[in-house]
Amino acid sequence: MERELAGKVAIVTGAGRMRSIGRPIAVALARAGANVVITGTGRPPERYPEDEKAAGWRDIESVADEIRAEGAKALALVSDIRSEQAVDELVQRTVAEFGRLDIVVNNAGAARGDDRRAVTDLDYETWKNVLVTNLDGTFLLSRAAARQLVEQGEGGSIINISSIASKLAPANTAAYASSKAGINALSHSLAMELAPHKIRVNAICPGIIDTFRMDDLGRGEQWQQTVRRMIPLGYAGDGTECAEMAVFLASDRGKWITGQAINVDGGTVWGN
């Protein structure tokens, strides 16, 4: 449905990567008519993957250009989702720029790294970094957004990007899986609290999405074997699948859906 989010204002965090989930979500919301505030960490160009360097990628500024190409307004902000002050200022800046807030997509998260190891070998600082970035960051922006949405009195939608790891909780992912399971619980609890205000809260649980985060799994035949083993439909997502779900949940088409953790995973997880 075209322009079904016309007049709406959305925040999408972690939207600066070229191969990501945040970028297609931000662009899809704009295509549906929303004006979009996007955030990134302000990572230096020397940290860009080689394909971003080759493309002349400019992080959130490139995504902002894509949003504008869809006929929507964009505001690109460097922000730290782990900072209570920065998150509150993000919401304040959004309202100052666009006059309102309707949709929040908590997509920013900790990069894959040293946390992918056995609990017996997992140091506390690494654990804290993952939990604070993924769970605390989602809490802080959800809280700030909820306060604004309640004050406006017109409903709204908060969409938290979780993971099927929240349900599978495989070995060597304790910090990540715990953070994402926490996001699911936070989403449900907040949905129950905000339902009287017509504010819906849901989590999207992506499966294997072909983003920069997957590069450390190897490419070529190794990657294809992983995909065939894990995904019944036989191919990885590219982020647009999550984007379509986000637009659906943010729109009136999703008006009777709240408190859910919805798998978008090519059939990997069943029964949760």
C-alpha atoms as a PDB file:
ATOM      1  CA  MET A   1       0.000   0.000   0.000  1.00  0.00           C
ATOM      2  CA  GLU A   2       1.473   3.313  -1.083  1.00  0.00           C
ATOM      3  CA  ARG A   3       2.125   6.161   1.351  1.00  0.00           C
ATOM      4  CA  GLU A   4       0.228   4.458   4.170  1.00  0.00           C
ATOM      5  CA  LEU A   5       2.518   6.145   6.688  1.00  0.00           C
ATOM      6  CA  ALA A   6       2.134   9.654   5.260  1.00  0.00           C
ATOM      7  CA  GLY A   7       2.386  12.262   7.992  1.00  0.00           C
ATOM      8  CA  LYS A   8       4.128   9.874  10.381  1.00  0.00           C
ATOM      9  CA  VAL A   9       7.575  10.378  11.897  1.00  0.00           C
ATOM     10  CA  ALA A  10       9.918   7.477  12.626  1.00  0.00           C
ATOM     11  CA  ILE A  11      13.231   6.936  14.380  1.00  0.00           C
ATOM     12  CA  VAL A  12      15.430   4.049  13.203  1.00  0.00           C
ATOM     13  CA  THR A  13      18.629   3.394  15.148  1.00  0.00           C
ATOM     14  CA  GLY A  14      21.695   1.680  13.744  1.00  0.00           C
ATOM     15  CA  ALA A  15      20.825   2.554  10.155  1.00  0.00           C
ATOM     16  CA  GLY A  16      24.184   3.500   8.673  1.00  0.00           C
ATOM     17  CA  ARG A  17      25.543   0.224   7.285  1.00  0.00           C
ATOM     18  CA  MET A  18      25.239  -0.522   3.580  1.00  0.00           C
ATOM     19  CA  ARG A  19      24.525  -4.230   4.185  1.00  0.00           C
ATOM     20  CA  SER A  20      22.226  -4.166   7.189  1.00  0.00           C
ATOM     21  CA  ILE A  21      18.714  -4.403   8.545  1.00  0.00           C
ATOM     22  CA  GLY A  22      18.421  -0.767   9.625  1.00  0.00           C
ATOM     23  CA  ARG A  23      19.023   0.711   6.173  1.00  0.00           C
ATOM     24  CA  PRO A  24      16.208  -1.150   4.350  1.00  0.00           C
ATOM     25  CA  ILE A  25      13.831  -0.496   7.253  1.00  0.00           C
ATOM     26  CA  ALA A  26      14.508   3.240   7.111  1.00  0.00           C
ATOM     27  CA  VAL A  27      14.075   3.350   3.338  1.00  0.00           C
ATOM     28  CA  ALA A  28      10.906   1.237   3.431  1.00  0.00           C
ATOM     29  CA  LEU A  29       9.342   3.518   6.037  1.00  0.00           C
ATOM     30  CA  ALA A  30      10.177   6.504   3.837  1.00  0.00           C
ATOM     31  CA  ARG A  31       8.703   4.779   0.786  1.00  0.00           C
ATOM     32  CA  ALA A  32       5.514   4.318   2.813  1.00  0.00           C
ATOM     33  CA  GLY A  33       5.432   8.076   3.448  1.00  0.00           C
ATOM     34  CA  ALA A  34       7.105   8.545   6.840  1.00  0.00           C
ATOM     35  CA  ASN A  35       9.739  11.145   7.583  1.00  0.00           C
ATOM     36  CA  VAL A  36      12.678   9.333   9.156  1.00  0.00           C
ATOM     37  CA  VAL A  37      15.342  10.130  11.735  1.00  0.00           C
ATOM     38  CA  ILE A  38      18.262   7.725  11.458  1.00  0.00           C
ATOM     39  CA  THR A  39      21.137   7.251  13.852  1.00  0.00           C
ATOM     40  CA  GLY A  40      24.613   5.812  13.698  1.00  0.00           C
ATOM     41  CA  THR A  41      27.677   5.706  15.900  1.00  0.00           C
ATOM     42  CA  GLY A  42      29.773   8.039  13.786  1.00  0.00           C
ATOM     43  CA  ARG A  43      32.241   5.278  12.900  1.00  0.00           C
ATOM     44  CA  PRO A  44      35.334   6.537  11.048  1.00  0.00           C
ATOM     45  CA  PRO A  45      35.688   5.660   7.337  1.00  0.00           C
ATOM     46  CA  GLU A  46      38.741   3.508   8.013  1.00  0.00           C
ATOM     47  CA  ARG A  47      36.428   1.077   9.820  1.00  0.00           C
ATOM     48  CA  TYR A  48      34.129   0.669   6.825  1.00  0.00           C
ATOM     49  CA  PRO A  49      34.092  -2.759   5.124  1.00  0.00           C
ATOM     50  CA  GLU A  50      35.823  -2.859   1.748  1.00  0.00           C
ATOM     51  CA  ASP A  51      32.559  -2.866  -0.210  1.00  0.00           C
ATOM     52  CA  GLU A  52      31.450   0.333   1.532  1.00  0.00           C
ATOM     53  CA  LYS A  53      34.794   1.982   0.788  1.00  0.00           C
ATOM     54  CA  ALA A  54      34.556   0.972  -2.860  1.00  0.00           C
ATOM     55  CA  ALA A  55      31.023   2.360  -3.105  1.00  0.00           C
ATOM     56  CA  GLY A  56      31.988   5.700  -1.560  1.00  0.00           C
ATOM     57  CA  TRP A  57      29.595   4.999   1.281  1.00  0.00           C
ATOM     58  CA  ARG A  58      28.962   7.827   3.787  1.00  0.00           C
ATOM     59  CA  ASP A  59      27.214   5.918   6.562  1.00  0.00           C
ATOM     60  CA  ILE A  60      23.959   7.539   7.738  1.00  0.00           C
ATOM     61  CA  GLU A  61      24.355  10.375   5.239  1.00  0.00           C
ATOM     62  CA  SER A  62      24.079   7.899   2.361  1.00  0.00           C
ATOM     63  CA  VAL A  63      20.936   6.414   3.883  1.00  0.00           C
ATOM     64  CA  ALA A  64      19.520   9.901   4.408  1.00  0.00           C
ATOM     65  CA  ASP A  65      19.967  10.532   0.673  1.00  0.00           C
ATOM     66  CA  GLU A  66      18.040   7.338  -0.081  1.00  0.00           C
ATOM     67  CA  ILE A  67      15.230   8.437   2.215  1.00  0.00           C
ATOM     68  CA  ARG A  68      15.001  11.807   0.475  1.00  0.00           C
ATOM     69  CA  ALA A  69      14.953  10.054  -2.901  1.00  0.00           C
ATOM     70  CA  GLU A  70      11.718   8.408  -1.747  1.00  0.00           C
ATOM     71  CA  GLY A  71      10.164  11.849  -1.280  1.00  0.00           C
ATOM     72  CA  ALA A  72      10.467  11.876   2.510  1.00  0.00           C
ATOM     73  CA  LYS A  73      12.400  14.101   4.880  1.00  0.00           C
ATOM     74  CA  ALA A  74      15.456  12.699   6.649  1.00  0.00           C
ATOM     75  CA  LEU A  75      17.495  13.695   9.673  1.00  0.00           C
ATOM     76  CA  ALA A  76      20.788  11.863  10.222  1.00  0.00           C
ATOM     77  CA  LEU A  77      22.168  12.012  13.759  1.00  0.00           C
ATOM     78  CA  VAL A  78      25.179  10.496  15.484  1.00  0.00           C
ATOM     79  CA  SER A  79      23.886   9.145  18.779  1.00  0.00           C
ATOM     80  CA  ASP A  80      24.838   6.680  21.519  1.00  0.00           C
ATOM     81  CA  ILE A  81      21.932   4.404  22.456  1.00  0.00           C
ATOM     82  CA  ARG A  82      23.770   3.420  25.640  1.00  0.00           C
ATOM     83  CA  SER A  83      23.531   6.984  26.971  1.00  0.00           C
ATOM     84  CA  GLU A  84      20.358   8.043  28.761  1.00  0.00           C
ATOM     85  CA  GLN A  85      21.048  11.691  27.969  1.00  0.00           C
ATOM     86  CA  ALA A  86      21.795  11.028  24.297  1.00  0.00           C
ATOM     87  CA  VAL A  87      18.618   8.981  23.870  1.00  0.00           C
ATOM     88  CA  ASP A  88      16.441  11.616  25.516  1.00  0.00           C
ATOM     89  CA  GLU A  89      18.039  14.265  23.304  1.00  0.00           C
ATOM     90  CA  LEU A  90      17.369  12.093  20.235  1.00  0.00           C
ATOM     91  CA  VAL A  91      13.640  12.097  20.934  1.00  0.00           C
ATOM     92  CA  GLN A  92      13.658  15.798  21.774  1.00  0.00           C
ATOM     93  CA  ARG A  93      15.512  16.615  18.552  1.00  0.00           C
ATOM     94  CA  THR A  94      13.068  14.511  16.528  1.00  0.00           C
ATOM     95  CA  VAL A  95      10.059  16.338  17.960  1.00  0.00           C
ATOM     96  CA  ALA A  96      11.751  19.721  17.532  1.00  0.00           C
ATOM     97  CA  GLU A  97      12.482  18.930  13.867  1.00  0.00           C
ATOM     98  CA  PHE A  98       9.228  17.244  12.836  1.00  0.00           C
ATOM     99  CA  GLY A  99       6.718  18.170  15.548  1.00  0.00           C
ATOM    100  CA  ARG A 100       5.860  14.651  16.608  1.00  0.00           C
ATOM    101  CA  LEU A 101       6.942  11.003  16.884  1.00  0.00           C
ATOM    102  CA  ASP A 102       4.920   7.975  15.778  1.00  0.00           C
ATOM    103  CA  ILE A 103       7.251   5.031  15.134  1.00  0.00           C
ATOM    104  CA  VAL A 104      10.457   3.820  16.734  1.00  0.00           C
ATOM    105  CA  VAL A 105      12.600   0.963  15.447  1.00  0.00           C
ATOM    106  CA  ASN A 106      15.249  -0.122  17.942  1.00  0.00           C
ATOM    107  CA  ASN A 107      17.714  -1.736  15.574  1.00  0.00           C
ATOM    108  CA  ALA A 108      21.146  -0.691  16.860  1.00  0.00           C
ATOM    109  CA  GLY A 109      23.135  -3.455  18.498  1.00  0.00           C
ATOM    110  CA  ALA A 110      26.577  -4.635  19.490  1.00  0.00           C
ATOM    111  CA  ALA A 111      28.747  -6.051  16.731  1.00  0.00           C
ATOM    112  CA  ARG A 112      29.625  -9.734  16.686  1.00  0.00           C
ATOM    113  CA  GLY A 113      32.909 -10.231  18.488  1.00  0.00           C
ATOM    114  CA  ASP A 114      34.574 -11.694  21.535  1.00  0.00           C
ATOM    115  CA  ASP A 115      31.220 -12.504  23.119  1.00  0.00           C
ATOM    116  CA  ARG A 116      30.795 -15.525  20.827  1.00  0.00           C
ATOM    117  CA  ARG A 117      32.492 -17.974  23.144  1.00  0.00           C
ATOM    118  CA  ALA A 118      31.754 -20.384  25.969  1.00  0.00           C
ATOM    119  CA  VAL A 119      30.450 -18.834  29.176  1.00  0.00           C
ATOM    120  CA  THR A 120      33.440 -20.236  31.056  1.00  0.00           C
ATOM    121  CA  ASP A 121      35.685 -18.123  28.825  1.00  0.00           C
ATOM    122  CA  LEU A 122      33.467 -15.030  28.674  1.00  0.00           C
ATOM    123  CA  ASP A 123      34.762 -12.025  30.569  1.00  0.00           C
ATOM    124  CA  TYR A 124      32.344  -9.776  32.397  1.00  0.00           C
ATOM    125  CA  GLU A 125      33.212  -6.593  30.478  1.00  0.00           C
ATOM    126  CA  THR A 126      32.339  -8.278  27.191  1.00  0.00           C
ATOM    127  CA  TRP A 127      29.067  -9.548  28.654  1.00  0.00           C
ATOM    128  CA  LYS A 128      28.208  -6.060  29.931  1.00  0.00           C
ATOM    129  CA  ASN A 129      28.969  -4.418  26.599  1.00  0.00           C
ATOM    130  CA  VAL A 130      26.529  -6.674  24.770  1.00  0.00           C
ATOM    131  CA  LEU A 131      23.782  -6.368  27.386  1.00  0.00           C
ATOM    132  CA  VAL A 132      24.136  -2.605  27.774  1.00  0.00           C
ATOM    133  CA  THR A 133      24.177  -1.971  24.020  1.00  0.00           C
ATOM    134  CA  ASN A 134      21.410  -4.365  23.027  1.00  0.00           C
ATOM    135  CA  LEU A 135      19.052  -4.465  26.005  1.00  0.00           C
ATOM    136  CA  ASP A 136      19.729  -1.234  27.887  1.00  0.00           C
ATOM    137  CA  GLY A 137      19.785   0.732  24.633  1.00  0.00           C
ATOM    138  CA  THR A 138      16.429  -0.702  23.612  1.00  0.00           C
ATOM    139  CA  PHE A 139      15.018   0.069  27.056  1.00  0.00           C
ATOM    140  CA  LEU A 140      16.245   3.660  27.055  1.00  0.00           C
ATOM    141  CA  LEU A 141      14.823   4.600  23.675  1.00  0.00           C
ATOM    142  CA  SER A 142      11.609   2.642  24.238  1.00  0.00           C
ATOM    143  CA  ARG A 143      11.106   4.532  27.503  1.00  0.00           C
ATOM    144  CA  ALA A 144      11.823   7.937  25.977  1.00  0.00           C
ATOM    145  CA  ALA A 145       9.594   7.186  22.997  1.00  0.00           C
ATOM    146  CA  ALA A 146       6.790   5.850  25.182  1.00  0.00           C
ATOM    147  CA  ARG A 147       6.769   9.045  27.235  1.00  0.00           C
ATOM    148  CA  GLN A 148       6.442  11.125  24.067  1.00  0.00           C
ATOM    149  CA  LEU A 149       3.786   8.897  22.533  1.00  0.00           C
ATOM    150  CA  VAL A 150       1.686   8.877  25.707  1.00  0.00           C
ATOM    151  CA  GLU A 151       1.918  12.661  25.884  1.00  0.00           C
ATOM    152  CA  GLN A 152       0.789  13.005  22.265  1.00  0.00           C
ATOM    153  CA  GLY A 153      -2.202  10.748  22.967  1.00  0.00           C
ATOM    154  CA  GLU A 154      -2.498   9.429  19.408  1.00  0.00           C
ATOM    155  CA  GLY A 155      -1.067   5.923  19.722  1.00  0.00           C
ATOM    156  CA  GLY A 156       2.059   4.721  17.968  1.00  0.00           C
ATOM    157  CA  SER A 157       4.291   1.754  17.310  1.00  0.00           C
ATOM    158  CA  ILE A 158       7.571   0.614  18.877  1.00  0.00           C
ATOM    159  CA  ILE A 159       9.383  -2.149  16.993  1.00  0.00           C
ATOM    160  CA  ASN A 160      12.378  -3.838  18.569  1.00  0.00           C
ATOM    161  CA  ILE A 161      14.799  -5.840  16.460  1.00  0.00           C
ATOM    162  CA  SER A 162      15.517  -9.038  18.340  1.00  0.00           C
ATOM    163  CA  SER A 163      16.830 -12.322  16.887  1.00  0.00           C
ATOM    164  CA  ILE A 164      15.918 -15.981  16.590  1.00  0.00           C
ATOM    165  CA  ALA A 165      18.892 -16.462  18.926  1.00  0.00           C
ATOM    166  CA  SER A 166      16.521 -15.253  21.658  1.00  0.00           C
ATOM    167  CA  LYS A 167      14.607 -18.504  21.160  1.00  0.00           C
ATOM    168  CA  LEU A 168      17.297 -20.940  20.030  1.00  0.00           C
ATOM    169  CA  ALA A 169      19.963 -19.724  22.484  1.00  0.00           C
ATOM    170  CA  PRO A 170      22.723 -21.829  20.884  1.00  0.00           C
ATOM    171  CA  ALA A 171      26.068 -22.558  22.489  1.00  0.00           C
ATOM    172  CA  ASN A 172      28.634 -19.760  22.619  1.00  0.00           C
ATOM    173  CA  THR A 173      26.024 -17.000  22.329  1.00  0.00           C
ATOM    174  CA  ALA A 174      25.056 -16.518  25.989  1.00  0.00           C
ATOM    175  CA  ALA A 175      25.458 -12.731  26.056  1.00  0.00           C
ATOM    176  CA  TYR A 176      23.818 -12.110  22.696  1.00  0.00           C
ATOM    177  CA  ALA A 177      20.966 -14.582  23.186  1.00  0.00           C
ATOM    178  CA  SER A 178      20.297 -13.275  26.689  1.00  0.00           C
ATOM    179  CA  SER A 179      20.178  -9.692  25.470  1.00  0.00           C
ATOM    180  CA  LYS A 180      17.729 -10.574  22.710  1.00  0.00           C
ATOM    181  CA  ALA A 181      15.536 -12.692  24.997  1.00  0.00           C
ATOM    182  CA  GLY A 182      15.454  -9.673  27.290  1.00  0.00           C
ATOM    183  CA  ILE A 183      14.272  -7.551  24.363  1.00  0.00           C
ATOM    184  CA  ASN A 184      11.404  -9.972  23.773  1.00  0.00           C
ATOM    185  CA  ALA A 185      10.352  -9.791  27.428  1.00  0.00           C
ATOM    186  CA  LEU A 186      10.704  -6.007  27.476  1.00  0.00           C
ATOM    187  CA  SER A 187       8.583  -5.757  24.331  1.00  0.00           C
ATOM    188  CA  HIS A 188       5.771  -7.831  25.804  1.00  0.00           C
ATOM    189  CA  SER A 189       5.770  -6.099  29.183  1.00  0.00           C
ATOM    190  CA  LEU A 190       5.816  -2.661  27.592  1.00  0.00           C
ATOM    191  CA  ALA A 191       3.059  -3.674  25.178  1.00  0.00           C
ATOM    192  CA  MET A 192       0.833  -4.593  28.100  1.00  0.00           C
ATOM    193  CA  GLU A 193       1.544  -1.281  29.808  1.00  0.00           C
ATOM    194  CA  LEU A 194       0.981   0.862  26.730  1.00  0.00           C
ATOM    195  CA  ALA A 195      -2.025  -0.929  25.249  1.00  0.00           C
ATOM    196  CA  PRO A 196      -4.503   1.459  26.956  1.00  0.00           C
ATOM    197  CA  HIS A 197      -2.747   4.287  25.099  1.00  0.00           C
ATOM    198  CA  LYS A 198      -3.110   2.498  21.711  1.00  0.00           C
ATOM    199  CA  ILE A 199       0.653   2.165  21.512  1.00  0.00           C
ATOM    200  CA  ARG A 200       1.738  -1.185  20.101  1.00  0.00           C
ATOM    201  CA  VAL A 201       5.071  -2.819  20.895  1.00  0.00           C
ATOM    202  CA  ASN A 202       6.452  -5.815  19.009  1.00  0.00           C
ATOM    203  CA  ALA A 203       9.763  -7.534  18.415  1.00  0.00           C
ATOM    204  CA  ILE A 204      10.996  -8.809  15.063  1.00  0.00           C
ATOM    205  CA  CYS A 205      13.257 -11.855  15.320  1.00  0.00           C
ATOM    206  CA  PRO A 206      15.380 -12.077  12.165  1.00  0.00           C
ATOM    207  CA  GLY A 207      17.066 -15.283  11.157  1.00  0.00           C
ATOM    208  CA  ILE A 208      20.239 -15.334   9.063  1.00  0.00           C
ATOM    209  CA  ILE A 209      20.369 -12.021   7.211  1.00  0.00           C
ATOM    210  CA  ASP A 210      23.215 -11.427   4.752  1.00  0.00           C
ATOM    211  CA  THR A 211      24.734  -8.368   6.421  1.00  0.00           C
ATOM    212  CA  PHE A 212      28.236  -7.270   7.319  1.00  0.00           C
ATOM    213  CA  ARG A 213      27.763  -9.010  10.681  1.00  0.00           C
ATOM    214  CA  MET A 214      27.881 -12.364   8.915  1.00  0.00           C
ATOM    215  CA  ASP A 215      31.231 -11.793   7.221  1.00  0.00           C
ATOM    216  CA  ASP A 216      33.126 -13.550  10.004  1.00  0.00           C
ATOM    217  CA  LEU A 217      31.266 -16.799   9.222  1.00  0.00           C
ATOM    218  CA  GLY A 218      33.141 -17.075   5.945  1.00  0.00           C
ATOM    219  CA  ARG A 219      31.869 -16.691   2.402  1.00  0.00           C
ATOM    220  CA  GLY A 220      31.698 -18.877  -0.688  1.00  0.00           C
ATOM    221  CA  GLU A 221      30.857 -22.543  -0.165  1.00  0.00           C
ATOM    222  CA  GLN A 222      31.220 -22.261   3.618  1.00  0.00           C
ATOM    223  CA  TRP A 223      28.504 -19.598   3.672  1.00  0.00           C
ATOM    224  CA  GLN A 224      26.259 -21.583   1.350  1.00  0.00           C
ATOM    225  CA  GLN A 225      26.567 -24.680   3.513  1.00  0.00           C
ATOM    226  CA  THR A 226      25.559 -22.682   6.588  1.00  0.00           C
ATOM    227  CA  VAL A 227      22.552 -21.275   4.778  1.00  0.00           C
ATOM    228  CA  ARG A 228      21.413 -24.658   3.459  1.00  0.00           C
ATOM    229  CA  ARG A 229      21.807 -26.268   6.865  1.00  0.00           C
ATOM    230  CA  MET A 230      19.964 -23.569   8.802  1.00  0.00           C
ATOM    231  CA  ILE A 231      17.229 -22.238   6.501  1.00  0.00           C
ATOM    232  CA  PRO A 232      14.473 -24.464   5.105  1.00  0.00           C
ATOM    233  CA  LEU A 233      13.702 -21.992   2.307  1.00  0.00           C
ATOM    234  CA  GLY A 234      17.338 -22.311   1.241  1.00  0.00           C
ATOM    235  CA  TYR A 235      18.485 -18.695   1.121  1.00  0.00           C
ATOM    236  CA  ALA A 236      19.447 -15.929   3.525  1.00  0.00           C
ATOM    237  CA  GLY A 237      17.451 -12.771   3.972  1.00  0.00           C
ATOM    238  CA  ASP A 238      18.782  -9.413   2.828  1.00  0.00           C
ATOM    239  CA  GLY A 239      17.037  -7.139   5.323  1.00  0.00           C
ATOM    240  CA  THR A 240      14.129  -6.191   3.077  1.00  0.00           C
ATOM    241  CA  GLU A 241      12.048  -8.972   4.623  1.00  0.00           C
ATOM    242  CA  CYS A 242      12.420  -7.381   8.052  1.00  0.00           C
ATOM    243  CA  ALA A 243      11.690  -3.996   6.498  1.00  0.00           C
ATOM    244  CA  GLU A 244       8.374  -5.221   5.094  1.00  0.00           C
ATOM    245  CA  MET A 245       7.415  -6.611   8.494  1.00  0.00           C
ATOM    246  CA  ALA A 246       8.359  -3.328  10.174  1.00  0.00           C
ATOM    247  CA  VAL A 247       6.187  -1.302   7.799  1.00  0.00           C
ATOM    248  CA  PHE A 248       3.299  -3.714   8.349  1.00  0.00           C
ATOM    249  CA  LEU A 249       3.597  -3.471  12.145  1.00  0.00           C
ATOM    250  CA  ALA A 250       3.913   0.320  12.028  1.00  0.00           C
ATOM    251  CA  SER A 251       0.865   0.728   9.803  1.00  0.00           C
ATOM    252  CA  ASP A 252      -2.862   0.288  10.383  1.00  0.00           C
ATOM    253  CA  ARG A 253      -2.537  -3.165   8.814  1.00  0.00           C
ATOM    254  CA  GLY A 254      -0.865  -4.230  12.054  1.00  0.00           C
ATOM    255  CA  LYS A 255      -3.298  -2.420  14.326  1.00  0.00           C
ATOM    256  CA  TRP A 256      -4.348  -5.584  16.236  1.00  0.00           C
ATOM    257  CA  ILE A 257      -0.856  -6.960  16.785  1.00  0.00           C
ATOM    258  CA  THR A 258       1.049  -6.151  19.954  1.00  0.00           C
ATOM    259  CA  GLY A 259       3.287  -7.913  22.454  1.00  0.00           C
ATOM    260  CA  GLN A 260       4.589 -10.388  19.880  1.00  0.00           C
ATOM    261  CA  ALA A 261       8.066 -11.657  18.961  1.00  0.00           C
ATOM    262  CA  ILE A 262       7.679 -12.487  15.284  1.00  0.00           C
ATOM    263  CA  ASN A 263      10.171 -14.709  13.452  1.00  0.00           C
ATOM    264  CA  VAL A 264      11.326 -13.546  10.021  1.00  0.00           C
ATOM    265  CA  ASP A 265      13.736 -16.358   9.294  1.00  0.00           C
ATOM    266  CA  GLY A 266      12.943 -18.496   6.252  1.00  0.00           C
ATOM    267  CA  GLY A 267      11.495 -21.222   8.456  1.00  0.00           C
ATOM    268  CA  THR A 268      14.451 -21.746  10.800  1.00  0.00           C
ATOM    269  CA  VAL A 269      12.483 -21.620  14.069  1.00  0.00           C
ATOM    270  CA  TRP A 270       9.137 -23.250  14.720  1.00  0.00           C
ATOM    271  CA  GLY A 271       6.811 -23.206  17.681  1.00  0.00           C
ATOM    272  CA  ASN A 272       8.123 -20.108  19.486  1.00  0.00           C
END
